[in-house]
Structures are given as C-alpha cells and as structure tokens.
Amino acid sequence: MGHDAIKLELIEWLSRLEDEDTIEYLKVVKDSKTDKHDWWNDLTLEQKKGIDRGLKDIEEGRVVSHEEVRLKYGL
C-alpha cells in the first residue's frame, strides 16, 4: 500500500474516530513533529529520575539483552 493510500485510510478513520484519548494522543504526536518544544520539560521529576537511573544502569553495565529476555520467557 502506497503512502497516499495509507494517508486516505487514516483520514477516513480519523474522521469517524470518537475516542477522546486517542484524538488527544494523535494531537501530541502531530505537534511533536512540528513543535520545537522539548518533551523533557513536560516530564515529572520522578519520571526524569527514572530515566536518569536507567541511563546510569546502562553506563554501569547493568543491562540484559533482548535475546536473553526472549530465552528466559520463551518468546
């Protein structure tokens, strides 16, 4: 399916969409592509701390590969 066909399909779907949460989410996605606003500024302090902890884990080698997780859980 070409991009033009996909766009038309999305336009038709969006015109019938009633779910307010989905509409709001799509607006955020659209604005993120056109807005120079940094999403980091919208995060809570706790969210920023969580990201920082994750980055520190990566730096210190506390990581598990995708393949290891797949094997462990039989995925």
PDB file of N, CA and C in Angstrom:
ATOM      1  N   MET A   1       0.859  -1.170   0.000  1.00  0.00           N
ATOM      2  CA  MET A   1       0.000   0.000   0.000  1.00  0.00           C
ATOM      3  C   MET A   1       0.907   1.236   0.000  1.00  0.00           C
ATOM      4  N   GLY A   2       0.669   2.145  -0.931  1.00  0.00           N
ATOM      5  CA  GLY A   2       1.466   3.356  -1.031  1.00  0.00           C
ATOM      6  C   GLY A   2       1.106   4.368   0.033  1.00  0.00           C
ATOM      7  N   HIS A   3       1.964   5.368   0.183  1.00  0.00           N
ATOM      8  CA  HIS A   3       1.746   6.403   1.202  1.00  0.00           C
ATOM      9  C   HIS A   3       0.436   7.157   0.998  1.00  0.00           C
ATOM     10  N   ASP A   4       0.096   7.444  -0.243  1.00  0.00           N
ATOM     11  CA  ASP A   4      -1.156   8.173  -0.495  1.00  0.00           C
ATOM     12  C   ASP A   4      -2.369   7.361  -0.051  1.00  0.00           C
ATOM     13  N   ALA A   5      -2.345   6.067  -0.306  1.00  0.00           N
ATOM     14  CA  ALA A   5      -3.450   5.200   0.109  1.00  0.00           C
ATOM     15  C   ALA A   5      -3.524   5.118   1.630  1.00  0.00           C
ATOM     16  N   ILE A   6      -2.375   5.034   2.270  1.00  0.00           N
ATOM     17  CA  ILE A   6      -2.340   4.988   3.737  1.00  0.00           C
ATOM     18  C   ILE A   6      -2.890   6.285   4.319  1.00  0.00           C
ATOM     19  N   LYS A   7      -2.500   7.407   3.737  1.00  0.00           N
ATOM     20  CA  LYS A   7      -2.995   8.708   4.213  1.00  0.00           C
ATOM     21  C   LYS A   7      -4.515   8.778   4.103  1.00  0.00           C
ATOM     22  N   LEU A   8      -5.047   8.338   2.979  1.00  0.00           N
ATOM     23  CA  LEU A   8      -6.507   8.361   2.805  1.00  0.00           C
ATOM     24  C   LEU A   8      -7.204   7.452   3.816  1.00  0.00           C
ATOM     25  N   GLU A   9      -6.625   6.284   4.043  1.00  0.00           N
ATOM     26  CA  GLU A   9      -7.189   5.361   5.027  1.00  0.00           C
ATOM     27  C   GLU A   9      -7.199   6.005   6.416  1.00  0.00           C
ATOM     28  N   LEU A  10      -6.103   6.673   6.774  1.00  0.00           N
ATOM     29  CA  LEU A  10      -6.025   7.337   8.075  1.00  0.00           C
ATOM     30  C   LEU A  10      -7.012   8.500   8.177  1.00  0.00           C
ATOM     31  N   ILE A  11      -7.158   9.259   7.109  1.00  0.00           N
ATOM     32  CA  ILE A  11      -8.109  10.378   7.111  1.00  0.00           C
ATOM     33  C   ILE A  11      -9.526   9.862   7.331  1.00  0.00           C
ATOM     34  N   GLU A  12      -9.879   8.791   6.630  1.00  0.00           N
ATOM     35  CA  GLU A  12     -11.220   8.211   6.788  1.00  0.00           C
ATOM     36  C   GLU A  12     -11.424   7.714   8.215  1.00  0.00           C
ATOM     37  N   TRP A  13     -10.429   7.029   8.755  1.00  0.00           N
ATOM     38  CA  TRP A  13     -10.516   6.505  10.125  1.00  0.00           C
ATOM     39  C   TRP A  13     -10.634   7.643  11.131  1.00  0.00           C
ATOM     40  N   LEU A  14      -9.789   8.663  10.961  1.00  0.00           N
ATOM     41  CA  LEU A  14      -9.794   9.788  11.885  1.00  0.00           C
ATOM     42  C   LEU A  14     -11.117  10.545  11.857  1.00  0.00           C
ATOM     43  N   SER A  15     -11.723  10.641  10.695  1.00  0.00           N
ATOM     44  CA  SER A  15     -12.993  11.372  10.586  1.00  0.00           C
ATOM     45  C   SER A  15     -14.118  10.666  11.348  1.00  0.00           C
ATOM     46  N   ARG A  16     -13.985   9.364  11.583  1.00  0.00           N
ATOM     47  CA  ARG A  16     -15.009   8.606  12.322  1.00  0.00           C
ATOM     48  C   ARG A  16     -14.628   8.385  13.786  1.00  0.00           C
ATOM     49  N   LEU A  17     -13.436   8.755  14.152  1.00  0.00           N
ATOM     50  CA  LEU A  17     -12.918   8.484  15.490  1.00  0.00           C
ATOM     51  C   LEU A  17     -13.666   9.291  16.548  1.00  0.00           C
ATOM     52  N   GLU A  18     -14.078   8.623  17.612  1.00  0.00           N
ATOM     53  CA  GLU A  18     -14.803   9.269  18.699  1.00  0.00           C
ATOM     54  C   GLU A  18     -14.023   9.259  20.017  1.00  0.00           C
ATOM     55  N   ASP A  19     -13.009   8.426  20.122  1.00  0.00           N
ATOM     56  CA  ASP A  19     -12.256   8.255  21.360  1.00  0.00           C
ATOM     57  C   ASP A  19     -11.415   9.500  21.652  1.00  0.00           C
ATOM     58  N   GLU A  20     -11.775  10.231  22.692  1.00  0.00           N
ATOM     59  CA  GLU A  20     -11.109  11.488  23.036  1.00  0.00           C
ATOM     60  C   GLU A  20      -9.630  11.285  23.381  1.00  0.00           C
ATOM     61  N   ASP A  21      -9.310  10.195  24.092  1.00  0.00           N
ATOM     62  CA  ASP A  21      -7.915   9.935  24.461  1.00  0.00           C
ATOM     63  C   ASP A  21      -7.044   9.720  23.231  1.00  0.00           C
ATOM     64  N   THR A  22      -7.565   8.959  22.270  1.00  0.00           N
ATOM     65  CA  THR A  22      -6.812   8.706  21.047  1.00  0.00           C
ATOM     66  C   THR A  22      -6.627   9.989  20.251  1.00  0.00           C
ATOM     67  N   ILE A  23      -7.667  10.796  20.168  1.00  0.00           N
ATOM     68  CA  ILE A  23      -7.575  12.070  19.456  1.00  0.00           C
ATOM     69  C   ILE A  23      -6.526  12.958  20.108  1.00  0.00           C
ATOM     70  N   GLU A  24      -6.548  13.028  21.423  1.00  0.00           N
ATOM     71  CA  GLU A  24      -5.579  13.852  22.148  1.00  0.00           C
ATOM     72  C   GLU A  24      -4.160  13.323  21.931  1.00  0.00           C
ATOM     73  N   TYR A  25      -3.996  12.004  21.954  1.00  0.00           N
ATOM     74  CA  TYR A  25      -2.684  11.398  21.723  1.00  0.00           C
ATOM     75  C   TYR A  25      -2.179  11.730  20.318  1.00  0.00           C
ATOM     76  N   LEU A  26      -3.047  11.612  19.340  1.00  0.00           N
ATOM     77  CA  LEU A  26      -2.648  11.915  17.966  1.00  0.00           C
ATOM     78  C   LEU A  26      -2.248  13.380  17.814  1.00  0.00           C
ATOM     79  N   LYS A  27      -2.906  14.262  18.544  1.00  0.00           N
ATOM     80  CA  LYS A  27      -2.549  15.686  18.518  1.00  0.00           C
ATOM     81  C   LYS A  27      -1.139  15.875  19.077  1.00  0.00           C
ATOM     82  N   VAL A  28      -0.829  15.178  20.162  1.00  0.00           N
ATOM     83  CA  VAL A  28       0.510  15.263  20.752  1.00  0.00           C
ATOM     84  C   VAL A  28       1.552  14.768  19.755  1.00  0.00           C
ATOM     85  N   VAL A  29       1.263  13.652  19.077  1.00  0.00           N
ATOM     86  CA  VAL A  29       2.196  13.107  18.086  1.00  0.00           C
ATOM     87  C   VAL A  29       2.406  14.116  16.963  1.00  0.00           C
ATOM     88  N   LYS A  30       1.323  14.680  16.457  1.00  0.00           N
ATOM     89  CA  LYS A  30       1.419  15.666  15.383  1.00  0.00           C
ATOM     90  C   LYS A  30       2.241  16.869  15.813  1.00  0.00           C
ATOM     91  N   ASP A  31       1.944  17.385  16.989  1.00  0.00           N
ATOM     92  CA  ASP A  31       2.652  18.574  17.470  1.00  0.00           C
ATOM     93  C   ASP A  31       4.128  18.291  17.726  1.00  0.00           C
ATOM     94  N   SER A  32       4.441  17.065  18.116  1.00  0.00           N
ATOM     95  CA  SER A  32       5.842  16.739  18.400  1.00  0.00           C
ATOM     96  C   SER A  32       6.688  16.779  17.132  1.00  0.00           C
ATOM     97  N   LYS A  33       6.063  16.603  16.001  1.00  0.00           N
ATOM     98  CA  LYS A  33       6.788  16.636  14.729  1.00  0.00           C
ATOM     99  C   LYS A  33       6.974  18.062  14.218  1.00  0.00           C
ATOM    100  N   THR A  34       6.141  18.988  14.661  1.00  0.00           N
ATOM    101  CA  THR A  34       6.198  20.350  14.140  1.00  0.00           C
ATOM    102  C   THR A  34       6.646  21.368  15.179  1.00  0.00           C
ATOM    103  N   ASP A  35       6.591  20.990  16.426  1.00  0.00           N
ATOM    104  CA  ASP A  35       6.886  21.908  17.519  1.00  0.00           C
ATOM    105  C   ASP A  35       8.332  21.741  17.958  1.00  0.00           C
ATOM    106  N   LYS A  36       8.964  22.808  18.293  1.00  0.00           N
ATOM    107  CA  LYS A  36      10.342  22.757  18.790  1.00  0.00           C
ATOM    108  C   LYS A  36      10.365  22.538  20.302  1.00  0.00           C
ATOM    109  N   HIS A  37       9.208  22.297  20.885  1.00  0.00           N
ATOM    110  CA  HIS A  37       9.078  22.089  22.324  1.00  0.00           C
ATOM    111  C   HIS A  37       9.784  20.791  22.721  1.00  0.00           C
ATOM    112  N   ASP A  38      10.556  20.841  23.785  1.00  0.00           N
ATOM    113  CA  ASP A  38      11.283  19.674  24.273  1.00  0.00           C
ATOM    114  C   ASP A  38      10.402  18.903  25.252  1.00  0.00           C
ATOM    115  N   TRP A  39      10.073  17.663  24.915  1.00  0.00           N
ATOM    116  CA  TRP A  39       9.183  16.846  25.751  1.00  0.00           C
ATOM    117  C   TRP A  39       9.760  16.618  27.142  1.00  0.00           C
ATOM    118  N   TRP A  40      11.075  16.708  27.289  1.00  0.00           N
ATOM    119  CA  TRP A  40      11.713  16.515  28.595  1.00  0.00           C
ATOM    120  C   TRP A  40      11.115  17.480  29.617  1.00  0.00           C
ATOM    121  N   ASN A  41      10.799  18.679  29.185  1.00  0.00           N
ATOM    122  CA  ASN A  41      10.251  19.693  30.090  1.00  0.00           C
ATOM    123  C   ASN A  41       8.855  19.345  30.597  1.00  0.00           C
ATOM    124  N   ASP A  42       8.173  18.420  29.931  1.00  0.00           N
ATOM    125  CA  ASP A  42       6.826  18.020  30.339  1.00  0.00           C
ATOM    126  C   ASP A  42       6.832  16.854  31.324  1.00  0.00           C
ATOM    127  N   LEU A  43       7.994  16.240  31.538  1.00  0.00           N
ATOM    128  CA  LEU A  43       8.073  15.098  32.449  1.00  0.00           C
ATOM    129  C   LEU A  43       8.071  15.558  33.898  1.00  0.00           C
ATOM    130  N   THR A  44       7.552  14.685  34.757  1.00  0.00           N
ATOM    131  CA  THR A  44       7.601  14.969  36.182  1.00  0.00           C
ATOM    132  C   THR A  44       9.014  14.708  36.688  1.00  0.00           C
ATOM    133  N   LEU A  45       9.325  15.198  37.861  1.00  0.00           N
ATOM    134  CA  LEU A  45      10.635  14.972  38.465  1.00  0.00           C
ATOM    135  C   LEU A  45      10.883  13.474  38.640  1.00  0.00           C
ATOM    136  N   GLU A  46       9.862  12.730  39.049  1.00  0.00           N
ATOM    137  CA  GLU A  46      10.005  11.291  39.240  1.00  0.00           C
ATOM    138  C   GLU A  46      10.312  10.592  37.919  1.00  0.00           C
ATOM    139  N   GLN A  47       9.676  11.012  36.832  1.00  0.00           N
ATOM    140  CA  GLN A  47       9.949  10.423  35.525  1.00  0.00           C
ATOM    141  C   GLN A  47      11.391  10.705  35.097  1.00  0.00           C
ATOM    142  N   LYS A  48      11.840  11.926  35.320  1.00  0.00           N
ATOM    143  CA  LYS A  48      13.215  12.285  34.963  1.00  0.00           C
ATOM    144  C   LYS A  48      14.221  11.473  35.778  1.00  0.00           C
ATOM    145  N   LYS A  49      13.930  11.281  37.073  1.00  0.00           N
ATOM    146  CA  LYS A  49      14.812  10.474  37.922  1.00  0.00           C
ATOM    147  C   LYS A  49      14.868   9.033  37.423  1.00  0.00           C
ATOM    148  N   GLY A  50      13.730   8.500  37.006  1.00  0.00           N
ATOM    149  CA  GLY A  50      13.688   7.136  36.488  1.00  0.00           C
ATOM    150  C   GLY A  50      14.525   6.979  35.229  1.00  0.00           C
ATOM    151  N   ILE A  51      14.457   7.942  34.351  1.00  0.00           N
ATOM    152  CA  ILE A  51      15.265   7.911  33.136  1.00  0.00           C
ATOM    153  C   ILE A  51      16.744   7.994  33.495  1.00  0.00           C
ATOM    154  N   ASP A  52      17.079   8.880  34.406  1.00  0.00           N
ATOM    155  CA  ASP A  52      18.475   9.009  34.835  1.00  0.00           C
ATOM    156  C   ASP A  52      18.995   7.716  35.458  1.00  0.00           C
ATOM    157  N   ARG A  53      18.141   7.033  36.257  1.00  0.00           N
ATOM    158  CA  ARG A  53      18.555   5.747  36.846  1.00  0.00           C
ATOM    159  C   ARG A  53      18.817   4.720  35.743  1.00  0.00           C
ATOM    160  N   GLY A  54      17.955   4.707  34.742  1.00  0.00           N
ATOM    161  CA  GLY A  54      18.128   3.777  33.633  1.00  0.00           C
ATOM    162  C   GLY A  54      19.407   4.041  32.855  1.00  0.00           C
ATOM    163  N   LEU A  55      19.706   5.303  32.617  1.00  0.00           N
ATOM    164  CA  LEU A  55      20.943   5.655  31.910  1.00  0.00           C
ATOM    165  C   LEU A  55      22.169   5.263  32.722  1.00  0.00           C
ATOM    166  N   LYS A  56      22.089   5.433  34.038  1.00  0.00           N
ATOM    167  CA  LYS A  56      23.206   5.031  34.908  1.00  0.00           C
ATOM    168  C   LYS A  56      23.390   3.516  34.867  1.00  0.00           C
ATOM    169  N   ASP A  57      22.277   2.771  34.872  1.00  0.00           N
ATOM    170  CA  ASP A  57      22.365   1.307  34.761  1.00  0.00           C
ATOM    171  C   ASP A  57      23.089   0.915  33.473  1.00  0.00           C
ATOM    172  N   ILE A  58      22.767   1.585  32.379  1.00  0.00           N
ATOM    173  CA  ILE A  58      23.419   1.284  31.104  1.00  0.00           C
ATOM    174  C   ILE A  58      24.907   1.570  31.198  1.00  0.00           C
ATOM    175  N   GLU A  59      25.259   2.734  31.729  1.00  0.00           N
ATOM    176  CA  GLU A  59      26.668   3.116  31.856  1.00  0.00           C
ATOM    177  C   GLU A  59      27.450   2.114  32.701  1.00  0.00           C
ATOM    178  N   GLU A  60      26.810   1.554  33.720  1.00  0.00           N
ATOM    179  CA  GLU A  60      27.489   0.639  34.637  1.00  0.00           C
ATOM    180  C   GLU A  60      27.324  -0.830  34.244  1.00  0.00           C
ATOM    181  N   GLY A  61      26.759  -1.055  33.063  1.00  0.00           N
ATOM    182  CA  GLY A  61      26.667  -2.415  32.539  1.00  0.00           C
ATOM    183  C   GLY A  61      25.559  -3.263  33.121  1.00  0.00           C
ATOM    184  N   ARG A  62      24.643  -2.677  33.844  1.00  0.00           N
ATOM    185  CA  ARG A  62      23.526  -3.434  34.422  1.00  0.00           C
ATOM    186  C   ARG A  62      22.402  -3.512  33.385  1.00  0.00           C
ATOM    187  N   VAL A  63      22.622  -4.347  32.382  1.00  0.00           N
ATOM    188  CA  VAL A  63      21.652  -4.483  31.296  1.00  0.00           C
ATOM    189  C   VAL A  63      21.446  -5.957  30.985  1.00  0.00           C
ATOM    190  N   VAL A  64      20.332  -6.260  30.368  1.00  0.00           N
ATOM    191  CA  VAL A  64      20.028  -7.613  29.903  1.00  0.00           C
ATOM    192  C   VAL A  64      19.634  -7.476  28.441  1.00  0.00           C
ATOM    193  N   SER A  65      20.204  -8.307  27.592  1.00  0.00           N
ATOM    194  CA  SER A  65      19.909  -8.211  26.161  1.00  0.00           C
ATOM    195  C   SER A  65      18.492  -8.680  25.860  1.00  0.00           C
ATOM    196  N   HIS A  66      18.004  -8.220  24.746  1.00  0.00           N
ATOM    197  CA  HIS A  66      16.680  -8.627  24.271  1.00  0.00           C
ATOM    198  C   HIS A  66      16.640 -10.138  24.086  1.00  0.00           C
ATOM    199  N   GLU A  67      17.703 -10.699  23.546  1.00  0.00           N
ATOM    200  CA  GLU A  67      17.768 -12.141  23.318  1.00  0.00           C
ATOM    201  C   GLU A  67      17.691 -12.922  24.634  1.00  0.00           C
ATOM    202  N   GLU A  68      18.373 -12.440  25.677  1.00  0.00           N
ATOM    203  CA  GLU A  68      18.321 -13.107  26.985  1.00  0.00           C
ATOM    204  C   GLU A  68      16.898 -13.126  27.537  1.00  0.00           C
ATOM    205  N   VAL A  69      16.201 -12.033  27.400  1.00  0.00           N
ATOM    206  CA  VAL A  69      14.813 -11.948  27.891  1.00  0.00           C
ATOM    207  C   VAL A  69      13.930 -12.896  27.098  1.00  0.00           C
ATOM    208  N   ARG A  70      14.111 -12.920  25.799  1.00  0.00           N
ATOM    209  CA  ARG A  70      13.306 -13.828  24.960  1.00  0.00           C
ATOM    210  C   ARG A  70      13.530 -15.272  25.367  1.00  0.00           C
ATOM    211  N   LEU A  71      14.787 -15.646  25.601  1.00  0.00           N
ATOM    212  CA  LEU A  71      15.081 -17.018  26.005  1.00  0.00           C
ATOM    213  C   LEU A  71      14.506 -17.339  27.384  1.00  0.00           C
ATOM    214  N   LYS A  72      14.661 -16.419  28.307  1.00  0.00           N
ATOM    215  CA  LYS A  72      14.177 -16.637  29.668  1.00  0.00           C
ATOM    216  C   LYS A  72      12.672 -16.857  29.713  1.00  0.00           C
ATOM    217  N   TYR A  73      11.920 -16.080  28.916  1.00  0.00           N
ATOM    218  CA  TYR A  73      10.460 -16.138  28.961  1.00  0.00           C
ATOM    219  C   TYR A  73       9.857 -16.936  27.803  1.00  0.00           C
ATOM    220  N   GLY A  74      10.710 -17.589  27.034  1.00  0.00           N
ATOM    221  CA  GLY A  74      10.217 -18.443  25.957  1.00  0.00           C
ATOM    222  C   GLY A  74       9.513 -17.703  24.852  1.00  0.00           C
ATOM    223  N   LEU A  75      10.010 -16.528  24.537  1.00  0.00           N
ATOM    224  CA  LEU A  75       9.376 -15.725  23.485  1.00  0.00           C
ATOM    225  C   LEU A  75      10.044 -15.932  22.147  1.00  0.00           C
TER     226      LEU A  75
END
